[in-house]
PDB file of N, CA and C in Angstrom:
ATOM      1  N   MET A   1      19.370 -33.870 -28.221  1.00  0.00           N
ATOM      2  CA  MET A   1      19.069 -34.728 -27.017  1.00  0.00           C
ATOM      3  C   MET A   1      18.467 -35.768 -27.584  1.00  0.00           C
ATOM      4  N   ALA A   2      18.578 -37.028 -26.823  1.00  0.00           N
ATOM      5  CA  ALA A   2      17.516 -38.426 -26.939  1.00  0.00           C
ATOM      6  C   ALA A   2      16.490 -38.117 -27.094  1.00  0.00           C
ATOM      7  N   ALA A   3      16.164 -38.538 -27.055  1.00  0.00           N
ATOM      8  CA  ALA A   3      14.404 -38.747 -27.035  1.00  0.00           C
ATOM      9  C   ALA A   3      14.086 -40.437 -26.751  1.00  0.00           C
ATOM     10  N   TYR A   4      13.051 -41.117 -25.981  1.00  0.00           N
ATOM     11  CA  TYR A   4      12.404 -42.194 -25.862  1.00  0.00           C
ATOM     12  C   TYR A   4      10.828 -42.443 -26.547  1.00  0.00           C
ATOM     13  N   LEU A   5      10.698 -43.237 -26.862  1.00  0.00           N
ATOM     14  CA  LEU A   5       9.263 -43.624 -27.293  1.00  0.00           C
ATOM     15  C   LEU A   5       8.810 -44.752 -26.197  1.00  0.00           C
ATOM     16  N   LEU A   6       7.634 -44.131 -25.468  1.00  0.00           N
ATOM     17  CA  LEU A   6       7.433 -44.840 -24.875  1.00  0.00           C
ATOM     18  C   LEU A   6       5.852 -45.527 -25.249  1.00  0.00           C
ATOM     19  N   ALA A   7       5.360 -46.381 -25.105  1.00  0.00           N
ATOM     20  CA  ALA A   7       4.124 -47.350 -25.231  1.00  0.00           C
ATOM     21  C   ALA A   7       3.466 -47.579 -23.912  1.00  0.00           C
ATOM     22  N   ASP A   8       2.015 -47.768 -23.960  1.00  0.00           N
ATOM     23  CA  ASP A   8       1.447 -48.461 -22.821  1.00  0.00           C
ATOM     24  C   ASP A   8       0.188 -48.670 -23.490  1.00  0.00           C
ATOM     25  N   VAL A   9       0.388 -50.338 -23.880  1.00  0.00           N
ATOM     26  CA  VAL A   9      -0.747 -51.530 -24.483  1.00  0.00           C
ATOM     27  C   VAL A   9      -1.163 -52.380 -23.825  1.00  0.00           C
ATOM     28  N   GLU A  10      -2.862 -51.818 -23.870  1.00  0.00           N
ATOM     29  CA  GLU A  10      -3.655 -52.679 -23.884  1.00  0.00           C
ATOM     30  C   GLU A  10      -4.258 -54.043 -25.123  1.00  0.00           C
ATOM     31  N   ILE A  11      -3.897 -54.938 -25.142  1.00  0.00           N
ATOM     32  CA  ILE A  11      -4.362 -55.613 -25.613  1.00  0.00           C
ATOM     33  C   ILE A  11      -5.160 -56.100 -26.082  1.00  0.00           C
ATOM     34  N   THR A  12      -6.105 -55.902 -27.370  1.00  0.00           N
ATOM     35  CA  THR A  12      -7.719 -56.149 -27.025  1.00  0.00           C
ATOM     36  C   THR A  12      -7.452 -57.536 -28.299  1.00  0.00           C
ATOM     37  N   ASN A  13      -6.641 -58.548 -29.519  1.00  0.00           N
ATOM     38  CA  ASN A  13      -6.890 -59.348 -30.366  1.00  0.00           C
ATOM     39  C   ASN A  13      -5.335 -59.940 -30.288  1.00  0.00           C
ATOM     40  N   PRO A  14      -4.882 -60.545 -29.049  1.00  0.00           N
ATOM     41  CA  PRO A  14      -3.765 -61.489 -29.380  1.00  0.00           C
ATOM     42  C   PRO A  14      -3.057 -61.810 -31.156  1.00  0.00           C
ATOM     43  N   GLU A  15      -4.160 -62.272 -31.199  1.00  0.00           N
ATOM     44  CA  GLU A  15      -4.204 -62.328 -32.744  1.00  0.00           C
ATOM     45  C   GLU A  15      -3.506 -61.505 -33.883  1.00  0.00           C
ATOM     46  N   GLN A  16      -4.067 -60.554 -33.784  1.00  0.00           N
ATOM     47  CA  GLN A  16      -3.728 -60.313 -34.393  1.00  0.00           C
ATOM     48  C   GLN A  16      -2.533 -58.900 -34.530  1.00  0.00           C
ATOM     49  N   TYR A  17      -2.841 -58.998 -33.128  1.00  0.00           N
ATOM     50  CA  TYR A  17      -1.397 -57.725 -32.611  1.00  0.00           C
ATOM     51  C   TYR A  17      -0.378 -58.794 -32.539  1.00  0.00           C
ATOM     52  N   ALA A  18      -0.036 -60.204 -32.744  1.00  0.00           N
ATOM     53  CA  ALA A  18       0.894 -61.161 -33.495  1.00  0.00           C
ATOM     54  C   ALA A  18       2.039 -60.505 -35.176  1.00  0.00           C
ATOM     55  N   LEU A  19       0.440 -59.945 -35.816  1.00  0.00           N
ATOM     56  CA  LEU A  19       1.053 -59.380 -37.352  1.00  0.00           C
ATOM     57  C   LEU A  19       1.591 -57.765 -36.470  1.00  0.00           C
ATOM     58  N   TYR A  20       1.227 -57.064 -35.688  1.00  0.00           N
ATOM     59  CA  TYR A  20       1.785 -55.572 -35.514  1.00  0.00           C
ATOM     60  C   TYR A  20       3.243 -55.697 -34.772  1.00  0.00           C
ATOM     61  N   ARG A  21       3.102 -56.474 -34.066  1.00  0.00           N
ATOM     62  CA  ARG A  21       4.688 -57.067 -33.355  1.00  0.00           C
ATOM     63  C   ARG A  21       5.782 -58.010 -34.724  1.00  0.00           C
ATOM     64  N   THR A  22       4.999 -58.666 -35.418  1.00  0.00           N
ATOM     65  CA  THR A  22       6.006 -58.345 -36.350  1.00  0.00           C
ATOM     66  C   THR A  22       6.947 -57.466 -37.727  1.00  0.00           C
ATOM     67  N   LEU A  23       5.680 -56.954 -37.666  1.00  0.00           N
ATOM     68  CA  LEU A  23       5.495 -55.381 -38.943  1.00  0.00           C
ATOM     69  C   LEU A  23       6.742 -54.751 -37.757  1.00  0.00           C
ATOM     70  N   SER A  24       6.381 -54.849 -36.664  1.00  0.00           N
ATOM     71  CA  SER A  24       7.199 -53.073 -35.723  1.00  0.00           C
ATOM     72  C   SER A  24       8.635 -53.698 -35.246  1.00  0.00           C
ATOM     73  N   SER A  25       8.231 -54.892 -35.246  1.00  0.00           N
ATOM     74  CA  SER A  25      10.076 -55.253 -35.525  1.00  0.00           C
ATOM     75  C   SER A  25      10.815 -54.705 -37.064  1.00  0.00           C
ATOM     76  N   ALA A  26      10.248 -55.288 -38.212  1.00  0.00           N
ATOM     77  CA  ALA A  26      11.009 -55.179 -38.603  1.00  0.00           C
ATOM     78  C   ALA A  26      10.792 -53.570 -39.545  1.00  0.00           C
ATOM     79  N   ALA A  27      10.226 -52.098 -38.660  1.00  0.00           N
ATOM     80  CA  ALA A  27      10.563 -50.958 -38.484  1.00  0.00           C
ATOM     81  C   ALA A  27      11.497 -50.780 -37.923  1.00  0.00           C
ATOM     82  N   PHE A  28      11.285 -50.758 -37.002  1.00  0.00           N
ATOM     83  CA  PHE A  28      12.683 -51.284 -35.795  1.00  0.00           C
ATOM     84  C   PHE A  28      14.178 -51.902 -35.922  1.00  0.00           C
ATOM     85  N   ASP A  29      14.131 -52.281 -36.755  1.00  0.00           N
ATOM     86  CA  ASP A  29      15.131 -53.006 -37.924  1.00  0.00           C
ATOM     87  C   ASP A  29      15.313 -51.734 -38.869  1.00  0.00           C
ATOM     88  N   ALA A  30      14.794 -51.375 -39.628  1.00  0.00           N
ATOM     89  CA  ALA A  30      15.017 -50.326 -40.609  1.00  0.00           C
ATOM     90  C   ALA A  30      15.233 -49.122 -40.416  1.00  0.00           C
ATOM     91  N   HIS A  31      15.008 -48.978 -38.865  1.00  0.00           N
ATOM     92  CA  HIS A  31      15.589 -47.220 -38.552  1.00  0.00           C
ATOM     93  C   HIS A  31      16.942 -47.338 -37.764  1.00  0.00           C
ATOM     94  N   GLY A  32      17.929 -48.818 -37.242  1.00  0.00           N
ATOM     95  CA  GLY A  32      18.527 -48.999 -36.277  1.00  0.00           C
ATOM     96  C   GLY A  32      18.180 -48.938 -35.214  1.00  0.00           C
ATOM     97  N   VAL A  33      16.784 -49.255 -34.871  1.00  0.00           N
ATOM     98  CA  VAL A  33      16.423 -49.352 -33.294  1.00  0.00           C
ATOM     99  C   VAL A  33      16.233 -50.254 -32.886  1.00  0.00           C
ATOM    100  N   LYS A  34      16.183 -50.644 -31.082  1.00  0.00           N
ATOM    101  CA  LYS A  34      16.643 -52.002 -30.645  1.00  0.00           C
ATOM    102  C   LYS A  34      15.539 -50.673 -29.470  1.00  0.00           C
ATOM    103  N   PRO A  35      14.678 -51.352 -29.065  1.00  0.00           N
ATOM    104  CA  PRO A  35      13.778 -51.441 -27.698  1.00  0.00           C
ATOM    105  C   PRO A  35      14.260 -51.703 -26.936  1.00  0.00           C
ATOM    106  N   LEU A  36      14.212 -51.078 -25.493  1.00  0.00           N
ATOM    107  CA  LEU A  36      15.194 -50.695 -25.086  1.00  0.00           C
ATOM    108  C   LEU A  36      13.696 -52.719 -23.425  1.00  0.00           C
ATOM    109  N   VAL A  37      12.689 -52.270 -23.504  1.00  0.00           N
ATOM    110  CA  VAL A  37      12.052 -53.050 -23.270  1.00  0.00           C
ATOM    111  C   VAL A  37      10.731 -53.499 -24.235  1.00  0.00           C
ATOM    112  N   ARG A  38      10.360 -54.246 -24.127  1.00  0.00           N
ATOM    113  CA  ARG A  38       8.881 -54.964 -25.139  1.00  0.00           C
ATOM    114  C   ARG A  38       8.303 -55.724 -24.436  1.00  0.00           C
ATOM    115  N   GLY A  39       7.468 -55.615 -23.629  1.00  0.00           N
ATOM    116  CA  GLY A  39       6.824 -56.563 -22.668  1.00  0.00           C
ATOM    117  C   GLY A  39       7.723 -56.996 -21.437  1.00  0.00           C
ATOM    118  N   GLY A  40       7.255 -57.696 -20.746  1.00  0.00           N
ATOM    119  CA  GLY A  40       8.399 -58.612 -20.133  1.00  0.00           C
ATOM    120  C   GLY A  40       6.910 -58.628 -18.787  1.00  0.00           C
ATOM    121  N   THR A  41       7.666 -58.452 -17.561  1.00  0.00           N
ATOM    122  CA  THR A  41       7.035 -57.913 -15.847  1.00  0.00           C
ATOM    123  C   THR A  41       6.776 -57.073 -15.895  1.00  0.00           C
ATOM    124  N   THR A  42       6.068 -56.581 -15.084  1.00  0.00           N
ATOM    125  CA  THR A  42       5.528 -55.590 -14.074  1.00  0.00           C
ATOM    126  C   THR A  42       5.018 -55.546 -12.909  1.00  0.00           C
ATOM    127  N   GLU A  43       5.201 -54.543 -12.026  1.00  0.00           N
ATOM    128  CA  GLU A  43       4.679 -54.863 -11.423  1.00  0.00           C
ATOM    129  C   GLU A  43       4.370 -53.486 -10.167  1.00  0.00           C
ATOM    130  N   ARG A  44       3.309 -52.464 -10.231  1.00  0.00           N
ATOM    131  CA  ARG A  44       2.256 -51.824 -10.220  1.00  0.00           C
ATOM    132  C   ARG A  44       2.560 -51.348  -9.332  1.00  0.00           C
ATOM    133  N   LEU A  45       3.298 -49.545  -9.140  1.00  0.00           N
ATOM    134  CA  LEU A  45       3.560 -48.996  -7.131  1.00  0.00           C
ATOM    135  C   LEU A  45       2.315 -48.875  -7.005  1.00  0.00           C
ATOM    136  N   GLU A  46       1.815 -47.520  -8.044  1.00  0.00           N
ATOM    137  CA  GLU A  46       0.785 -46.602  -8.321  1.00  0.00           C
ATOM    138  C   GLU A  46       0.213 -46.425  -9.319  1.00  0.00           C
ATOM    139  N   GLY A  47      -1.108 -46.009  -9.362  1.00  0.00           N
ATOM    140  CA  GLY A  47      -1.951 -45.802 -10.372  1.00  0.00           C
ATOM    141  C   GLY A  47      -2.800 -46.928 -10.607  1.00  0.00           C
ATOM    142  N   ARG A  48      -3.279 -46.469 -12.272  1.00  0.00           N
ATOM    143  CA  ARG A  48      -3.820 -48.037 -12.671  1.00  0.00           C
ATOM    144  C   ARG A  48      -2.779 -48.667 -13.181  1.00  0.00           C
ATOM    145  N   GLU A  49      -2.875 -50.021 -13.154  1.00  0.00           N
ATOM    146  CA  GLU A  49      -2.338 -51.546 -14.142  1.00  0.00           C
ATOM    147  C   GLU A  49      -1.919 -51.436 -15.523  1.00  0.00           C
ATOM    148  N   PRO A  50      -0.838 -51.469 -15.723  1.00  0.00           N
ATOM    149  CA  PRO A  50      -0.400 -51.533 -16.811  1.00  0.00           C
ATOM    150  C   PRO A  50      -0.324 -52.861 -18.179  1.00  0.00           C
ATOM    151  N   GLY A  51      -0.529 -52.264 -18.996  1.00  0.00           N
ATOM    152  CA  GLY A  51      -0.918 -52.792 -19.969  1.00  0.00           C
ATOM    153  C   GLY A  51       0.985 -53.667 -20.644  1.00  0.00           C
ATOM    154  N   ARG A  52       1.234 -53.732 -21.391  1.00  0.00           N
ATOM    155  CA  ARG A  52       1.771 -53.911 -22.805  1.00  0.00           C
ATOM    156  C   ARG A  52       3.049 -53.144 -22.436  1.00  0.00           C
ATOM    157  N   ILE A  53       4.598 -52.400 -21.610  1.00  0.00           N
ATOM    158  CA  ILE A  53       5.333 -51.507 -21.971  1.00  0.00           C
ATOM    159  C   ILE A  53       6.405 -51.817 -23.279  1.00  0.00           C
ATOM    160  N   VAL A  54       6.911 -50.792 -23.606  1.00  0.00           N
ATOM    161  CA  VAL A  54       7.362 -51.020 -23.995  1.00  0.00           C
ATOM    162  C   VAL A  54       7.956 -48.861 -24.559  1.00  0.00           C
ATOM    163  N   VAL A  55       9.954 -49.113 -24.111  1.00  0.00           N
ATOM    164  CA  VAL A  55      10.631 -47.831 -23.917  1.00  0.00           C
ATOM    165  C   VAL A  55      11.688 -47.997 -25.634  1.00  0.00           C
ATOM    166  N   VAL A  56      11.418 -47.012 -26.711  1.00  0.00           N
ATOM    167  CA  VAL A  56      12.269 -47.851 -27.376  1.00  0.00           C
ATOM    168  C   VAL A  56      13.153 -46.261 -27.369  1.00  0.00           C
ATOM    169  N   PRO A  57      14.746 -46.006 -27.511  1.00  0.00           N
ATOM    170  CA  PRO A  57      15.067 -45.036 -27.836  1.00  0.00           C
ATOM    171  C   PRO A  57      16.183 -44.724 -28.478  1.00  0.00           C
ATOM    172  N   PHE A  58      15.771 -43.183 -28.875  1.00  0.00           N
ATOM    173  CA  PHE A  58      15.756 -42.818 -30.426  1.00  0.00           C
ATOM    174  C   PHE A  58      17.060 -41.594 -30.530  1.00  0.00           C
ATOM    175  N   ALA A  59      17.392 -41.506 -30.756  1.00  0.00           N
ATOM    176  CA  ALA A  59      18.670 -39.877 -31.004  1.00  0.00           C
ATOM    177  C   ALA A  59      18.472 -38.695 -31.040  1.00  0.00           C
ATOM    178  N   SER A  60      16.789 -38.279 -31.662  1.00  0.00           N
ATOM    179  CA  SER A  60      16.848 -37.447 -31.109  1.00  0.00           C
ATOM    180  C   SER A  60      15.012 -37.465 -30.951  1.00  0.00           C
ATOM    181  N   MET A  61      14.214 -36.088 -30.540  1.00  0.00           N
ATOM    182  CA  MET A  61      12.651 -36.034 -30.564  1.00  0.00           C
ATOM    183  C   MET A  61      12.248 -36.270 -32.428  1.00  0.00           C
ATOM    184  N   GLU A  62      13.132 -35.025 -33.762  1.00  0.00           N
ATOM    185  CA  GLU A  62      12.837 -35.826 -34.625  1.00  0.00           C
ATOM    186  C   GLU A  62      13.060 -36.833 -35.356  1.00  0.00           C
ATOM    187  N   ALA A  63      14.444 -37.645 -34.649  1.00  0.00           N
ATOM    188  CA  ALA A  63      14.032 -39.466 -34.801  1.00  0.00           C
ATOM    189  C   ALA A  63      13.269 -40.435 -35.027  1.00  0.00           C
ATOM    190  N   ALA A  64      12.789 -39.884 -33.561  1.00  0.00           N
ATOM    191  CA  ALA A  64      11.557 -41.384 -33.499  1.00  0.00           C
ATOM    192  C   ALA A  64      10.453 -40.038 -34.702  1.00  0.00           C
ATOM    193  N   LYS A  65      10.048 -38.911 -33.769  1.00  0.00           N
ATOM    194  CA  LYS A  65       8.580 -38.758 -35.361  1.00  0.00           C
ATOM    195  C   LYS A  65       8.931 -39.482 -36.335  1.00  0.00           C
ATOM    196  N   ALA A  66      10.319 -39.080 -36.947  1.00  0.00           N
ATOM    197  CA  ALA A  66      10.945 -39.452 -38.384  1.00  0.00           C
ATOM    198  C   ALA A  66      10.219 -41.130 -38.121  1.00  0.00           C
ATOM    199  N   PHE A  67      10.132 -41.863 -37.102  1.00  0.00           N
ATOM    200  CA  PHE A  67      10.022 -43.784 -37.538  1.00  0.00           C
ATOM    201  C   PHE A  67       8.632 -43.516 -37.124  1.00  0.00           C
ATOM    202  N   TYR A  68       8.196 -42.851 -36.521  1.00  0.00           N
ATOM    203  CA  TYR A  68       6.232 -42.794 -36.291  1.00  0.00           C
ATOM    204  C   TYR A  68       5.708 -42.885 -37.255  1.00  0.00           C
ATOM    205  N   GLU A  69       6.331 -41.615 -38.290  1.00  0.00           N
ATOM    206  CA  GLU A  69       5.508 -41.546 -39.611  1.00  0.00           C
ATOM    207  C   GLU A  69       5.996 -41.681 -40.634  1.00  0.00           C
ATOM    208  N   SER A  70       7.185 -43.595 -40.423  1.00  0.00           N
ATOM    209  CA  SER A  70       7.373 -43.669 -41.761  1.00  0.00           C
ATOM    210  C   SER A  70       6.403 -45.510 -42.332  1.00  0.00           C
ATOM    211  N   PRO A  71       7.147 -45.359 -43.715  1.00  0.00           N
ATOM    212  CA  PRO A  71       6.557 -46.658 -43.863  1.00  0.00           C
ATOM    213  C   PRO A  71       6.124 -47.779 -43.588  1.00  0.00           C
ATOM    214  N   GLU A  72       7.326 -47.763 -43.102  1.00  0.00           N
ATOM    215  CA  GLU A  72       7.470 -49.388 -42.635  1.00  0.00           C
ATOM    216  C   GLU A  72       6.428 -49.232 -41.332  1.00  0.00           C
ATOM    217  N   TYR A  73       6.292 -48.535 -40.389  1.00  0.00           N
ATOM    218  CA  TYR A  73       5.876 -48.467 -39.315  1.00  0.00           C
ATOM    219  C   TYR A  73       4.447 -47.341 -38.879  1.00  0.00           C
ATOM    220  N   ARG A  74       3.943 -46.902 -40.434  1.00  0.00           N
ATOM    221  CA  ARG A  74       2.844 -47.136 -40.873  1.00  0.00           C
ATOM    222  C   ARG A  74       2.380 -48.403 -41.261  1.00  0.00           C
ATOM    223  N   LYS A  75       3.003 -49.224 -41.363  1.00  0.00           N
ATOM    224  CA  LYS A  75       2.317 -50.381 -42.015  1.00  0.00           C
ATOM    225  C   LYS A  75       1.720 -51.135 -40.704  1.00  0.00           C
ATOM    226  N   ALA A  76       3.028 -50.760 -39.458  1.00  0.00           N
ATOM    227  CA  ALA A  76       2.455 -51.966 -38.855  1.00  0.00           C
ATOM    228  C   ALA A  76       1.122 -51.476 -38.043  1.00  0.00           C
ATOM    229  N   ARG A  77       1.206 -49.906 -37.865  1.00  0.00           N
ATOM    230  CA  ARG A  77       0.450 -49.083 -36.692  1.00  0.00           C
ATOM    231  C   ARG A  77      -1.237 -49.576 -37.753  1.00  0.00           C
ATOM    232  N   SER A  78      -1.719 -49.587 -39.359  1.00  0.00           N
ATOM    233  CA  SER A  78      -2.975 -50.086 -39.902  1.00  0.00           C
ATOM    234  C   SER A  78      -2.973 -51.493 -39.519  1.00  0.00           C
ATOM    235  N   ALA A  79      -1.756 -52.276 -39.317  1.00  0.00           N
ATOM    236  CA  ALA A  79      -2.309 -53.620 -38.757  1.00  0.00           C
ATOM    237  C   ALA A  79      -2.794 -54.028 -37.400  1.00  0.00           C
ATOM    238  N   ARG A  80      -2.478 -53.092 -36.301  1.00  0.00           N
ATOM    239  CA  ARG A  80      -2.495 -52.913 -34.707  1.00  0.00           C
ATOM    240  C   ARG A  80      -4.043 -51.967 -34.883  1.00  0.00           C
ATOM    241  N   GLU A  81      -4.317 -52.148 -35.830  1.00  0.00           N
ATOM    242  CA  GLU A  81      -6.149 -51.452 -36.122  1.00  0.00           C
ATOM    243  C   GLU A  81      -7.054 -52.345 -35.435  1.00  0.00           C
ATOM    244  N   GLY A  82      -7.262 -52.315 -34.402  1.00  0.00           N
ATOM    245  CA  GLY A  82      -8.421 -53.146 -33.832  1.00  0.00           C
ATOM    246  C   GLY A  82      -8.193 -54.313 -32.705  1.00  0.00           C
ATOM    247  N   ALA A  83      -6.849 -54.439 -32.585  1.00  0.00           N
ATOM    248  CA  ALA A  83      -5.588 -55.425 -31.954  1.00  0.00           C
ATOM    249  C   ALA A  83      -5.426 -55.358 -30.468  1.00  0.00           C
ATOM    250  N   ALA A  84      -5.548 -53.656 -30.208  1.00  0.00           N
ATOM    251  CA  ALA A  84      -4.205 -52.962 -29.212  1.00  0.00           C
ATOM    252  C   ALA A  84      -5.954 -51.385 -28.901  1.00  0.00           C
ATOM    253  N   ILE A  85      -5.284 -51.498 -27.918  1.00  0.00           N
ATOM    254  CA  ILE A  85      -5.404 -49.907 -27.198  1.00  0.00           C
ATOM    255  C   ILE A  85      -4.472 -49.540 -27.092  1.00  0.00           C
ATOM    256  N   MET A  86      -3.445 -48.045 -27.898  1.00  0.00           N
ATOM    257  CA  MET A  86      -2.157 -47.893 -27.626  1.00  0.00           C
ATOM    258  C   MET A  86      -2.365 -46.806 -26.795  1.00  0.00           C
ATOM    259  N   ASN A  87      -1.512 -46.047 -25.708  1.00  0.00           N
ATOM    260  CA  ASN A  87      -1.350 -45.679 -25.146  1.00  0.00           C
ATOM    261  C   ASN A  87       0.180 -44.925 -25.588  1.00  0.00           C
ATOM    262  N   MET A  88       0.391 -43.691 -26.571  1.00  0.00           N
ATOM    263  CA  MET A  88       2.241 -43.864 -27.239  1.00  0.00           C
ATOM    264  C   MET A  88       2.776 -42.300 -26.810  1.00  0.00           C
ATOM    265  N   LEU A  89       3.618 -41.935 -26.447  1.00  0.00           N
ATOM    266  CA  LEU A  89       4.678 -40.718 -26.637  1.00  0.00           C
ATOM    267  C   LEU A  89       5.573 -41.155 -26.564  1.00  0.00           C
ATOM    268  N   ILE A  90       6.575 -39.622 -27.281  1.00  0.00           N
ATOM    269  CA  ILE A  90       8.142 -39.148 -27.214  1.00  0.00           C
ATOM    270  C   ILE A  90       8.161 -38.100 -25.968  1.00  0.00           C
ATOM    271  N   VAL A  91       9.284 -38.468 -25.127  1.00  0.00           N
ATOM    272  CA  VAL A  91       9.534 -37.793 -24.597  1.00  0.00           C
ATOM    273  C   VAL A  91      11.478 -37.908 -24.654  1.00  0.00           C
ATOM    274  N   GLU A  92      11.729 -36.334 -24.165  1.00  0.00           N
ATOM    275  CA  GLU A  92      13.219 -36.304 -24.085  1.00  0.00           C
ATOM    276  C   GLU A  92      13.933 -36.693 -23.297  1.00  0.00           C
ATOM    277  N   GLY A  93      15.093 -37.235 -23.378  1.00  0.00           N
ATOM    278  CA  GLY A  93      16.509 -38.154 -22.677  1.00  0.00           C
ATOM    279  C   GLY A  93      17.257 -36.345 -21.443  1.00  0.00           C
ATOM    280  N   VAL A  94      17.573 -36.611 -20.389  1.00  0.00           N
ATOM    281  CA  VAL A  94      18.495 -35.766 -19.629  1.00  0.00           C
ATOM    282  C   VAL A  94      19.654 -35.930 -20.437  1.00  0.00           C
TER     283      VAL A  94
END
């Protein structure tokens, strides 16, 4: 069953976060995935104001977890430390 990685990101250091974007793009390429949403305009309808929103499709929960734990994405995650507050989860599709 398909799964989606969802992220709501509050960027605290834009210069440092730029390196994370570069490295996460390389990780997406290495795993053959392409974000459906990566930033862009948001409009809050209810609740708190969102940060930068990212939605990435995967073939399964296992594939999403493998991406998250991969050496490529670990490198990106290390680069992101101190540059953003990340709320990330994986959800099964229908």
